[in-house]
């Protein structure tokens, strides 16, 4: 089969443009001429591999039924390759379609296999994980921070998982991941709410404020994340008490939270100096207390 573009032309001009799958078309009449430009799909080629987990569909469309989901590295026989579109392939004794961008030869597959996998992470309750990761089972560990992969074996799964690396190589990889300096995660939200306040009608102030927020190191400094062994209560800094000029028209209320008596993070509210301090402090004290409780219940 050939993929053809059918162009019907009358003397007055073009009247139709469409795509069709045909083996051959030939027609000339008084109404005009049908001209065909063939964009042939390549014939059967050598075996290829899926370069990611991919849907194997009944037809060449995302609306088509998914026959099955092919894992990374699944070998398929390509019957008609359509670069940039859907390719017709045979897999597990059935024909279907896969997006061509997810197919590659053995070399491409081997190169992809050496790269850290693109993975999604789902946090599930330990009560569920406990049934999955039983004693004596092996697991692949993917370090989201470094991209390193190593394997461990469970030898206890009471209130948490006790594991050990399986091989000497796994042990070395684990040591390397632990040696990497890890900065705390930083989450920022609600910036536009501050910009709606009358204090920020001045464009120069807005620029200074946004520039300060763009510097992640400034935010770490404001929260004292690199040195969380200080005051574990709620701290308020007002106006020019703040270190950075970009927030001299603001106040910051900060609270740290703990796990087993050790400060492990901080949460803060940044807003106008006229903010309702009592309300903000009450909210942060609530968050501080309950974050600690949640972390204690769910610690590994």
C-alpha atoms as a PDB file:
ATOM      1  CA  UNK A   1       0.000   0.000   0.000  1.00  0.00           C
ATOM      2  CA  UNK A   2       1.131   3.515  -0.745  1.00  0.00           C
ATOM      3  CA  UNK A   3       0.216   6.675   1.082  1.00  0.00           C
ATOM      4  CA  UNK A   4      -0.968   9.075  -1.608  1.00  0.00           C
ATOM      5  CA  UNK A   5      -2.108  12.641  -1.747  1.00  0.00           C
ATOM      6  CA  UNK A   6      -4.987  13.037  -4.195  1.00  0.00           C
ATOM      7  CA  UNK A   7      -5.368  16.465  -5.786  1.00  0.00           C
ATOM      8  CA  UNK A   8      -8.486  17.022  -7.911  1.00  0.00           C
ATOM      9  CA  UNK A   9      -8.172  20.018 -10.219  1.00  0.00           C
ATOM     10  CA  UNK A  10     -10.733  21.729 -12.434  1.00  0.00           C
ATOM     11  CA  UNK A  11     -10.017  24.452 -14.916  1.00  0.00           C
ATOM     12  CA  UNK A  12     -11.279  27.017 -12.396  1.00  0.00           C
ATOM     13  CA  UNK A  13      -8.793  25.844  -9.758  1.00  0.00           C
ATOM     14  CA  UNK A  14      -8.229  23.285  -7.062  1.00  0.00           C
ATOM     15  CA  UNK A  15     -11.420  21.839  -5.591  1.00  0.00           C
ATOM     16  CA  UNK A  16     -10.196  19.123  -3.249  1.00  0.00           C
ATOM     17  CA  UNK A  17      -7.131  18.065  -1.315  1.00  0.00           C
ATOM     18  CA  UNK A  18      -7.152  14.825   0.629  1.00  0.00           C
ATOM     19  CA  UNK A  19      -4.999  11.952   1.753  1.00  0.00           C
ATOM     20  CA  UNK A  20      -5.768   8.349   0.932  1.00  0.00           C
ATOM     21  CA  UNK A  21      -4.240   4.906   1.111  1.00  0.00           C
ATOM     22  CA  UNK A  22      -4.355   3.401  -2.370  1.00  0.00           C
ATOM     23  CA  UNK A  23      -2.385   0.960  -4.470  1.00  0.00           C
ATOM     24  CA  UNK A  24      -2.862   2.922  -7.702  1.00  0.00           C
ATOM     25  CA  UNK A  25      -5.121   5.618  -9.113  1.00  0.00           C
ATOM     26  CA  UNK A  26      -5.455   6.772 -12.687  1.00  0.00           C
ATOM     27  CA  UNK A  27      -8.249   9.029 -13.918  1.00  0.00           C
ATOM     28  CA  UNK A  28      -8.560  11.769 -16.475  1.00  0.00           C
ATOM     29  CA  UNK A  29     -11.939  13.282 -17.362  1.00  0.00           C
ATOM     30  CA  UNK A  30     -13.692  16.409 -18.465  1.00  0.00           C
ATOM     31  CA  UNK A  31     -14.008  17.662 -14.879  1.00  0.00           C
ATOM     32  CA  UNK A  32     -10.282  17.701 -14.390  1.00  0.00           C
ATOM     33  CA  UNK A  33      -7.290  15.571 -13.625  1.00  0.00           C
ATOM     34  CA  UNK A  34      -6.492  13.464 -10.601  1.00  0.00           C
ATOM     35  CA  UNK A  35      -2.794  13.749  -9.885  1.00  0.00           C
ATOM     36  CA  UNK A  36      -1.070  11.554  -7.332  1.00  0.00           C
ATOM     37  CA  UNK A  37       2.045  12.229  -5.313  1.00  0.00           C
ATOM     38  CA  UNK A  38       3.082   9.060  -3.551  1.00  0.00           C
ATOM     39  CA  UNK A  39       4.588   9.279  -0.082  1.00  0.00           C
ATOM     40  CA  UNK A  40       5.411   5.613   0.235  1.00  0.00           C
ATOM     41  CA  UNK A  41       5.993   3.967   3.569  1.00  0.00           C
ATOM     42  CA  UNK A  42       9.222   2.049   3.645  1.00  0.00           C
ATOM     43  CA  UNK A  43       8.911  -1.731   3.166  1.00  0.00           C
ATOM     44  CA  UNK A  44       9.555  -4.358   5.826  1.00  0.00           C
ATOM     45  CA  UNK A  45      12.864  -3.732   7.576  1.00  0.00           C
ATOM     46  CA  UNK A  46      14.943  -5.457  10.232  1.00  0.00           C
ATOM     47  CA  UNK A  47      13.741  -6.008  13.747  1.00  0.00           C
ATOM     48  CA  UNK A  48      13.591  -2.882  15.904  1.00  0.00           C
ATOM     49  CA  UNK A  49      13.057  -2.157  19.594  1.00  0.00           C
ATOM     50  CA  UNK A  50      10.817   0.074  21.630  1.00  0.00           C
ATOM     51  CA  UNK A  51      12.811   2.915  23.223  1.00  0.00           C
ATOM     52  CA  UNK A  52      10.288   3.546  25.981  1.00  0.00           C
ATOM     53  CA  UNK A  53       7.117   2.063  27.395  1.00  0.00           C
ATOM     54  CA  UNK A  54       4.692   2.645  24.531  1.00  0.00           C
ATOM     55  CA  UNK A  55       1.090   1.942  23.532  1.00  0.00           C
ATOM     56  CA  UNK A  56       0.620  -0.680  20.818  1.00  0.00           C
ATOM     57  CA  UNK A  57      -2.589   0.374  19.050  1.00  0.00           C
ATOM     58  CA  UNK A  58      -5.055  -1.224  16.652  1.00  0.00           C
ATOM     59  CA  UNK A  59      -4.969   1.796  14.318  1.00  0.00           C
ATOM     60  CA  UNK A  60      -2.681   4.760  13.561  1.00  0.00           C
ATOM     61  CA  UNK A  61      -4.300   7.173  16.014  1.00  0.00           C
ATOM     62  CA  UNK A  62      -4.275   8.014  19.708  1.00  0.00           C
ATOM     63  CA  UNK A  63      -8.028   7.463  19.572  1.00  0.00           C
ATOM     64  CA  UNK A  64      -7.535   3.865  18.480  1.00  0.00           C
ATOM     65  CA  UNK A  65      -7.815   0.928  20.873  1.00  0.00           C
ATOM     66  CA  UNK A  66      -4.692   0.005  22.837  1.00  0.00           C
ATOM     67  CA  UNK A  67      -3.921  -3.648  22.170  1.00  0.00           C
ATOM     68  CA  UNK A  68      -1.291  -3.716  24.899  1.00  0.00           C
ATOM     69  CA  UNK A  69       1.446  -1.619  26.451  1.00  0.00           C
ATOM     70  CA  UNK A  70       4.915  -2.625  25.237  1.00  0.00           C
ATOM     71  CA  UNK A  71       7.730  -2.386  27.737  1.00  0.00           C
ATOM     72  CA  UNK A  72      11.014  -0.640  27.017  1.00  0.00           C
ATOM     73  CA  UNK A  73      13.195  -2.871  24.829  1.00  0.00           C
ATOM     74  CA  UNK A  74      10.388  -4.961  23.328  1.00  0.00           C
ATOM     75  CA  UNK A  75      11.469  -6.325  19.894  1.00  0.00           C
ATOM     76  CA  UNK A  76       9.016  -5.692  17.046  1.00  0.00           C
ATOM     77  CA  UNK A  77       8.982  -6.448  13.328  1.00  0.00           C
ATOM     78  CA  UNK A  78       8.334  -3.272  11.359  1.00  0.00           C
ATOM     79  CA  UNK A  79       6.136  -3.981   8.358  1.00  0.00           C
ATOM     80  CA  UNK A  80       5.788  -0.362   7.187  1.00  0.00           C
ATOM     81  CA  UNK A  81       7.947   2.419   8.621  1.00  0.00           C
ATOM     82  CA  UNK A  82       6.489   5.916   8.570  1.00  0.00           C
ATOM     83  CA  UNK A  83       9.103   8.322  10.022  1.00  0.00           C
ATOM     84  CA  UNK A  84       7.452  11.087  12.000  1.00  0.00           C
ATOM     85  CA  UNK A  85       4.138   9.208  12.179  1.00  0.00           C
ATOM     86  CA  UNK A  86       2.706   5.793  12.962  1.00  0.00           C
ATOM     87  CA  UNK A  87       4.505   2.641  11.879  1.00  0.00           C
ATOM     88  CA  UNK A  88       2.800  -0.681  11.243  1.00  0.00           C
ATOM     89  CA  UNK A  89       4.495  -3.360  13.331  1.00  0.00           C
ATOM     90  CA  UNK A  90       4.023  -6.979  14.288  1.00  0.00           C
ATOM     91  CA  UNK A  91       4.443  -8.023  17.908  1.00  0.00           C
ATOM     92  CA  UNK A  92       3.244 -11.019  19.921  1.00  0.00           C
ATOM     93  CA  UNK A  93       1.529 -12.513  16.854  1.00  0.00           C
ATOM     94  CA  UNK A  94      -0.590  -9.463  16.074  1.00  0.00           C
ATOM     95  CA  UNK A  95      -0.314  -6.382  13.896  1.00  0.00           C
ATOM     96  CA  UNK A  96      -0.739  -2.866  15.195  1.00  0.00           C
ATOM     97  CA  UNK A  97       0.676   0.632  15.210  1.00  0.00           C
ATOM     98  CA  UNK A  98       3.356   2.367  17.257  1.00  0.00           C
ATOM     99  CA  UNK A  99       4.619   5.939  17.030  1.00  0.00           C
ATOM    100  CA  UNK A 100       7.861   5.786  15.060  1.00  0.00           C
ATOM    101  CA  UNK A 101       9.725   8.101  17.443  1.00  0.00           C
ATOM    102  CA  UNK A 102       9.641   5.299  20.025  1.00  0.00           C
ATOM    103  CA  UNK A 103      11.336   2.769  17.738  1.00  0.00           C
ATOM    104  CA  UNK A 104      15.027   2.246  17.134  1.00  0.00           C
ATOM    105  CA  UNK A 105      17.589  -0.303  16.077  1.00  0.00           C
ATOM    106  CA  UNK A 106      19.661  -2.395  18.441  1.00  0.00           C
ATOM    107  CA  UNK A 107      22.329   0.302  18.788  1.00  0.00           C
ATOM    108  CA  UNK A 108      19.737   2.939  19.714  1.00  0.00           C
ATOM    109  CA  UNK A 109      18.182   0.540  22.203  1.00  0.00           C
ATOM    110  CA  UNK A 110      21.537  -0.245  23.846  1.00  0.00           C
ATOM    111  CA  UNK A 111      22.378   3.451  24.098  1.00  0.00           C
ATOM    112  CA  UNK A 112      18.984   4.204  25.630  1.00  0.00           C
ATOM    113  CA  UNK A 113      19.400   1.350  28.094  1.00  0.00           C
ATOM    114  CA  UNK A 114      22.575   2.967  29.428  1.00  0.00           C
ATOM    115  CA  UNK A 115      20.829   6.255  30.215  1.00  0.00           C
ATOM    116  CA  UNK A 116      18.996   6.893  33.520  1.00  0.00           C
ATOM    117  CA  UNK A 117      15.383   6.011  32.865  1.00  0.00           C
ATOM    118  CA  UNK A 118      12.723   8.682  32.780  1.00  0.00           C
ATOM    119  CA  UNK A 119      10.499   7.568  35.596  1.00  0.00           C
ATOM    120  CA  UNK A 120       7.535   8.793  37.537  1.00  0.00           C
ATOM    121  CA  UNK A 121       7.496   8.361  41.292  1.00  0.00           C
ATOM    122  CA  UNK A 122       4.405   7.493  43.296  1.00  0.00           C
ATOM    123  CA  UNK A 123       4.385   7.710  47.082  1.00  0.00           C
ATOM    124  CA  UNK A 124       2.213   4.937  48.495  1.00  0.00           C
ATOM    125  CA  UNK A 125       1.370   4.062  52.111  1.00  0.00           C
ATOM    126  CA  UNK A 126       3.763   1.664  53.795  1.00  0.00           C
ATOM    127  CA  UNK A 127       0.847  -0.693  54.399  1.00  0.00           C
ATOM    128  CA  UNK A 128       0.678  -1.220  50.616  1.00  0.00           C
ATOM    129  CA  UNK A 129       4.438  -1.260  50.043  1.00  0.00           C
ATOM    130  CA  UNK A 130       4.848  -3.856  52.790  1.00  0.00           C
ATOM    131  CA  UNK A 131       2.807  -6.374  50.820  1.00  0.00           C
ATOM    132  CA  UNK A 132       4.758  -5.676  47.631  1.00  0.00           C
ATOM    133  CA  UNK A 133       8.275  -5.635  49.070  1.00  0.00           C
ATOM    134  CA  UNK A 134       8.286  -8.852  51.071  1.00  0.00           C
ATOM    135  CA  UNK A 135      11.250 -10.251  52.985  1.00  0.00           C
ATOM    136  CA  UNK A 136      13.804 -11.822  50.625  1.00  0.00           C
ATOM    137  CA  UNK A 137      12.593  -9.896  47.575  1.00  0.00           C
ATOM    138  CA  UNK A 138      14.963  -7.909  45.373  1.00  0.00           C
ATOM    139  CA  UNK A 139      14.230  -4.371  44.263  1.00  0.00           C
ATOM    140  CA  UNK A 140      15.730  -1.899  41.850  1.00  0.00           C
ATOM    141  CA  UNK A 141      16.447   1.447  43.496  1.00  0.00           C
ATOM    142  CA  UNK A 142      16.400   4.544  41.314  1.00  0.00           C
ATOM    143  CA  UNK A 143      17.967   7.572  42.993  1.00  0.00           C
ATOM    144  CA  UNK A 144      15.883  10.501  41.740  1.00  0.00           C
ATOM    145  CA  UNK A 145      18.572  12.996  42.723  1.00  0.00           C
ATOM    146  CA  UNK A 146      21.597  11.441  41.000  1.00  0.00           C
ATOM    147  CA  UNK A 147      19.954   9.124  38.443  1.00  0.00           C
ATOM    148  CA  UNK A 148      21.956   6.178  39.807  1.00  0.00           C
ATOM    149  CA  UNK A 149      20.435   2.682  39.766  1.00  0.00           C
ATOM    150  CA  UNK A 150      21.360  -0.166  42.117  1.00  0.00           C
ATOM    151  CA  UNK A 151      19.739  -3.285  43.575  1.00  0.00           C
ATOM    152  CA  UNK A 152      18.860  -4.222  47.149  1.00  0.00           C
ATOM    153  CA  UNK A 153      17.316  -7.177  48.979  1.00  0.00           C
ATOM    154  CA  UNK A 154      14.820  -6.906  51.832  1.00  0.00           C
ATOM    155  CA  UNK A 155      15.617  -8.745  55.058  1.00  0.00           C
ATOM    156  CA  UNK A 156      12.970  -7.124  57.267  1.00  0.00           C
ATOM    157  CA  UNK A 157       9.754  -5.213  56.650  1.00  0.00           C
ATOM    158  CA  UNK A 158       8.126  -4.454  59.972  1.00  0.00           C
ATOM    159  CA  UNK A 159       7.308  -0.764  60.318  1.00  0.00           C
ATOM    160  CA  UNK A 160       9.761   0.047  57.520  1.00  0.00           C
ATOM    161  CA  UNK A 161      12.008  -1.697  54.990  1.00  0.00           C
ATOM    162  CA  UNK A 162      15.449  -2.937  56.043  1.00  0.00           C
ATOM    163  CA  UNK A 163      17.512  -3.655  52.935  1.00  0.00           C
ATOM    164  CA  UNK A 164      21.071  -4.357  51.895  1.00  0.00           C
ATOM    165  CA  UNK A 165      22.858  -4.027  48.539  1.00  0.00           C
ATOM    166  CA  UNK A 166      23.005  -7.299  46.624  1.00  0.00           C
ATOM    167  CA  UNK A 167      26.467  -7.053  45.054  1.00  0.00           C
ATOM    168  CA  UNK A 168      29.736  -5.240  45.729  1.00  0.00           C
ATOM    169  CA  UNK A 169      28.961  -2.998  42.761  1.00  0.00           C
ATOM    170  CA  UNK A 170      25.558  -2.128  44.255  1.00  0.00           C
ATOM    171  CA  UNK A 171      27.289  -1.221  47.514  1.00  0.00           C
ATOM    172  CA  UNK A 172      29.703   1.109  45.741  1.00  0.00           C
ATOM    173  CA  UNK A 173      26.903   2.833  43.832  1.00  0.00           C
ATOM    174  CA  UNK A 174      24.961   3.311  47.074  1.00  0.00           C
ATOM    175  CA  UNK A 175      28.034   4.854  48.733  1.00  0.00           C
ATOM    176  CA  UNK A 176      28.460   7.231  45.810  1.00  0.00           C
ATOM    177  CA  UNK A 177      24.853   8.424  46.008  1.00  0.00           C
ATOM    178  CA  UNK A 178      25.164   9.037  49.747  1.00  0.00           C
ATOM    179  CA  UNK A 179      28.355  11.042  49.207  1.00  0.00           C
ATOM    180  CA  UNK A 180      26.637  13.511  46.862  1.00  0.00           C
ATOM    181  CA  UNK A 181      25.792  16.818  48.507  1.00  0.00           C
ATOM    182  CA  UNK A 182      22.033  17.152  48.401  1.00  0.00           C
ATOM    183  CA  UNK A 183      20.363  20.508  48.681  1.00  0.00           C
ATOM    184  CA  UNK A 184      16.955  20.563  50.322  1.00  0.00           C
ATOM    185  CA  UNK A 185      14.015  20.793  47.960  1.00  0.00           C
ATOM    186  CA  UNK A 186      12.567  24.270  47.603  1.00  0.00           C
ATOM    187  CA  UNK A 187       8.911  24.951  46.753  1.00  0.00           C
ATOM    188  CA  UNK A 188       7.596  28.412  45.926  1.00  0.00           C
ATOM    189  CA  UNK A 189       4.012  29.476  45.277  1.00  0.00           C
ATOM    190  CA  UNK A 190       1.603  32.380  45.458  1.00  0.00           C
ATOM    191  CA  UNK A 191       3.953  35.012  44.020  1.00  0.00           C
ATOM    192  CA  UNK A 192       1.179  36.670  42.044  1.00  0.00           C
ATOM    193  CA  UNK A 193      -0.812  37.186  45.256  1.00  0.00           C
ATOM    194  CA  UNK A 194       1.936  39.462  46.567  1.00  0.00           C
ATOM    195  CA  UNK A 195       2.077  41.407  43.315  1.00  0.00           C
ATOM    196  CA  UNK A 196      -1.618  42.233  43.699  1.00  0.00           C
ATOM    197  CA  UNK A 197      -0.878  44.253  46.840  1.00  0.00           C
ATOM    198  CA  UNK A 198      -0.694  48.080  46.638  1.00  0.00           C
ATOM    199  CA  UNK A 199       2.904  48.087  47.852  1.00  0.00           C
ATOM    200  CA  UNK A 200       3.911  46.640  44.493  1.00  0.00           C
ATOM    201  CA  UNK A 201       2.332  49.169  42.155  1.00  0.00           C
ATOM    202  CA  UNK A 202       5.839  50.576  41.722  1.00  0.00           C
ATOM    203  CA  UNK A 203       7.471  48.746  38.802  1.00  0.00           C
ATOM    204  CA  UNK A 204      10.963  49.183  40.267  1.00  0.00           C
ATOM    205  CA  UNK A 205       9.891  47.437  43.464  1.00  0.00           C
ATOM    206  CA  UNK A 206       8.299  44.625  41.484  1.00  0.00           C
ATOM    207  CA  UNK A 207      11.510  44.092  39.489  1.00  0.00           C
ATOM    208  CA  UNK A 208      13.619  43.998  42.651  1.00  0.00           C
ATOM    209  CA  UNK A 209      11.225  41.576  44.317  1.00  0.00           C
ATOM    210  CA  UNK A 210      11.081  39.193  41.349  1.00  0.00           C
ATOM    211  CA  UNK A 211      14.851  39.334  40.823  1.00  0.00           C
ATOM    212  CA  UNK A 212      15.368  38.312  44.429  1.00  0.00           C
ATOM    213  CA  UNK A 213      12.969  35.381  44.066  1.00  0.00           C
ATOM    214  CA  UNK A 214      14.756  34.215  40.908  1.00  0.00           C
ATOM    215  CA  UNK A 215      17.945  33.685  42.912  1.00  0.00           C
ATOM    216  CA  UNK A 216      17.457  30.313  44.566  1.00  0.00           C
ATOM    217  CA  UNK A 217      20.473  30.900  46.796  1.00  0.00           C
ATOM    218  CA  UNK A 218      18.717  33.969  48.251  1.00  0.00           C
ATOM    219  CA  UNK A 219      15.678  31.886  49.143  1.00  0.00           C
ATOM    220  CA  UNK A 220      17.860  29.268  50.837  1.00  0.00           C
ATOM    221  CA  UNK A 221      19.555  32.077  52.747  1.00  0.00           C
ATOM    222  CA  UNK A 222      16.223  33.599  53.788  1.00  0.00           C
ATOM    223  CA  UNK A 223      15.009  30.279  55.146  1.00  0.00           C
ATOM    224  CA  UNK A 224      18.409  29.369  56.601  1.00  0.00           C
ATOM    225  CA  UNK A 225      17.981  25.959  54.997  1.00  0.00           C
ATOM    226  CA  UNK A 226      21.734  25.323  54.990  1.00  0.00           C
ATOM    227  CA  UNK A 227      21.816  25.724  58.775  1.00  0.00           C
ATOM    228  CA  UNK A 228      18.597  24.416  60.268  1.00  0.00           C
ATOM    229  CA  UNK A 229      20.002  23.833  63.741  1.00  0.00           C
ATOM    230  CA  UNK A 230      18.825  27.232  65.001  1.00  0.00           C
ATOM    231  CA  UNK A 231      15.548  28.412  66.492  1.00  0.00           C
ATOM    232  CA  UNK A 232      12.819  25.788  66.138  1.00  0.00           C
ATOM    233  CA  UNK A 233       9.992  28.253  66.875  1.00  0.00           C
ATOM    234  CA  UNK A 234       8.233  30.831  64.690  1.00  0.00           C
ATOM    235  CA  UNK A 235      10.425  33.760  63.629  1.00  0.00           C
ATOM    236  CA  UNK A 236       9.229  37.104  62.242  1.00  0.00           C
ATOM    237  CA  UNK A 237      11.403  39.557  60.290  1.00  0.00           C
ATOM    238  CA  UNK A 238       9.910  42.921  59.304  1.00  0.00           C
ATOM    239  CA  UNK A 239      10.918  45.348  56.545  1.00  0.00           C
ATOM    240  CA  UNK A 240      14.626  46.180  56.604  1.00  0.00           C
ATOM    241  CA  UNK A 241      15.295  43.399  59.090  1.00  0.00           C
ATOM    242  CA  UNK A 242      15.250  41.235  55.992  1.00  0.00           C
ATOM    243  CA  UNK A 243      18.666  40.763  54.458  1.00  0.00           C
ATOM    244  CA  UNK A 244      17.764  41.451  50.820  1.00  0.00           C
ATOM    245  CA  UNK A 245      16.673  44.880  49.564  1.00  0.00           C
ATOM    246  CA  UNK A 246      14.109  43.319  47.229  1.00  0.00           C
ATOM    247  CA  UNK A 247      11.896  42.473  50.226  1.00  0.00           C
ATOM    248  CA  UNK A 248      12.483  45.531  52.428  1.00  0.00           C
ATOM    249  CA  UNK A 249       8.799  46.375  51.981  1.00  0.00           C
ATOM    250  CA  UNK A 250       7.818  42.897  53.145  1.00  0.00           C
ATOM    251  CA  UNK A 251       7.659  40.823  56.279  1.00  0.00           C
ATOM    252  CA  UNK A 252       8.496  37.156  56.550  1.00  0.00           C
ATOM    253  CA  UNK A 253       7.091  34.721  59.083  1.00  0.00           C
ATOM    254  CA  UNK A 254       9.056  31.475  59.234  1.00  0.00           C
ATOM    255  CA  UNK A 255       8.600  28.215  61.107  1.00  0.00           C
ATOM    256  CA  UNK A 256      10.809  25.129  61.098  1.00  0.00           C
ATOM    257  CA  UNK A 257       9.541  21.575  61.491  1.00  0.00           C
ATOM    258  CA  UNK A 258      11.206  18.537  63.014  1.00  0.00           C
ATOM    259  CA  UNK A 259      11.570  14.787  62.765  1.00  0.00           C
ATOM    260  CA  UNK A 260      12.661  12.976  65.927  1.00  0.00           C
ATOM    261  CA  UNK A 261      13.802  16.262  67.458  1.00  0.00           C
ATOM    262  CA  UNK A 262      15.916  17.263  64.463  1.00  0.00           C
ATOM    263  CA  UNK A 263      14.978  20.243  62.289  1.00  0.00           C
ATOM    264  CA  UNK A 264      14.483  18.947  58.737  1.00  0.00           C
ATOM    265  CA  UNK A 265      12.762  21.826  56.958  1.00  0.00           C
ATOM    266  CA  UNK A 266      11.228  25.272  57.071  1.00  0.00           C
ATOM    267  CA  UNK A 267       8.044  26.887  55.807  1.00  0.00           C
ATOM    268  CA  UNK A 268       7.559  30.639  55.487  1.00  0.00           C
ATOM    269  CA  UNK A 269       5.039  33.274  54.455  1.00  0.00           C
ATOM    270  CA  UNK A 270       6.277  36.428  52.726  1.00  0.00           C
ATOM    271  CA  UNK A 271       3.919  39.379  52.434  1.00  0.00           C
ATOM    272  CA  UNK A 272       3.296  43.090  53.084  1.00  0.00           C
ATOM    273  CA  UNK A 273       4.439  44.535  56.410  1.00  0.00           C
ATOM    274  CA  UNK A 274       0.758  45.191  57.208  1.00  0.00           C
ATOM    275  CA  UNK A 275      -0.068  41.460  57.163  1.00  0.00           C
ATOM    276  CA  UNK A 276      -2.138  39.960  59.977  1.00  0.00           C
ATOM    277  CA  UNK A 277       0.754  38.541  61.975  1.00  0.00           C
ATOM    278  CA  UNK A 278      -1.385  36.757  64.550  1.00  0.00           C
ATOM    279  CA  UNK A 279      -3.343  34.845  61.913  1.00  0.00           C
ATOM    280  CA  UNK A 280      -0.238  33.957  59.895  1.00  0.00           C
ATOM    281  CA  UNK A 281       1.642  32.762  62.978  1.00  0.00           C
ATOM    282  CA  UNK A 282      -1.304  30.613  64.039  1.00  0.00           C
ATOM    283  CA  UNK A 283      -1.462  28.977  60.601  1.00  0.00           C
ATOM    284  CA  UNK A 284       2.299  28.316  60.537  1.00  0.00           C
ATOM    285  CA  UNK A 285       2.252  26.857  64.055  1.00  0.00           C
ATOM    286  CA  UNK A 286      -0.502  24.486  62.912  1.00  0.00           C
ATOM    287  CA  UNK A 287       1.493  23.489  59.798  1.00  0.00           C
ATOM    288  CA  UNK A 288       4.659  23.122  61.864  1.00  0.00           C
ATOM    289  CA  UNK A 289       2.979  20.796  64.357  1.00  0.00           C
ATOM    290  CA  UNK A 290       1.129  18.634  61.835  1.00  0.00           C
ATOM    291  CA  UNK A 291       4.032  18.337  59.389  1.00  0.00           C
ATOM    292  CA  UNK A 292       6.099  16.902  62.216  1.00  0.00           C
ATOM    293  CA  UNK A 293       3.341  14.418  63.049  1.00  0.00           C
ATOM    294  CA  UNK A 294       2.923  13.335  59.402  1.00  0.00           C
ATOM    295  CA  UNK A 295       6.674  12.884  58.951  1.00  0.00           C
ATOM    296  CA  UNK A 296       6.902  10.797  62.133  1.00  0.00           C
ATOM    297  CA  UNK A 297       4.065   8.493  61.035  1.00  0.00           C
ATOM    298  CA  UNK A 298       5.393   7.977  57.515  1.00  0.00           C
ATOM    299  CA  UNK A 299       9.149   7.849  58.054  1.00  0.00           C
ATOM    300  CA  UNK A 300      10.983   4.931  56.466  1.00  0.00           C
END
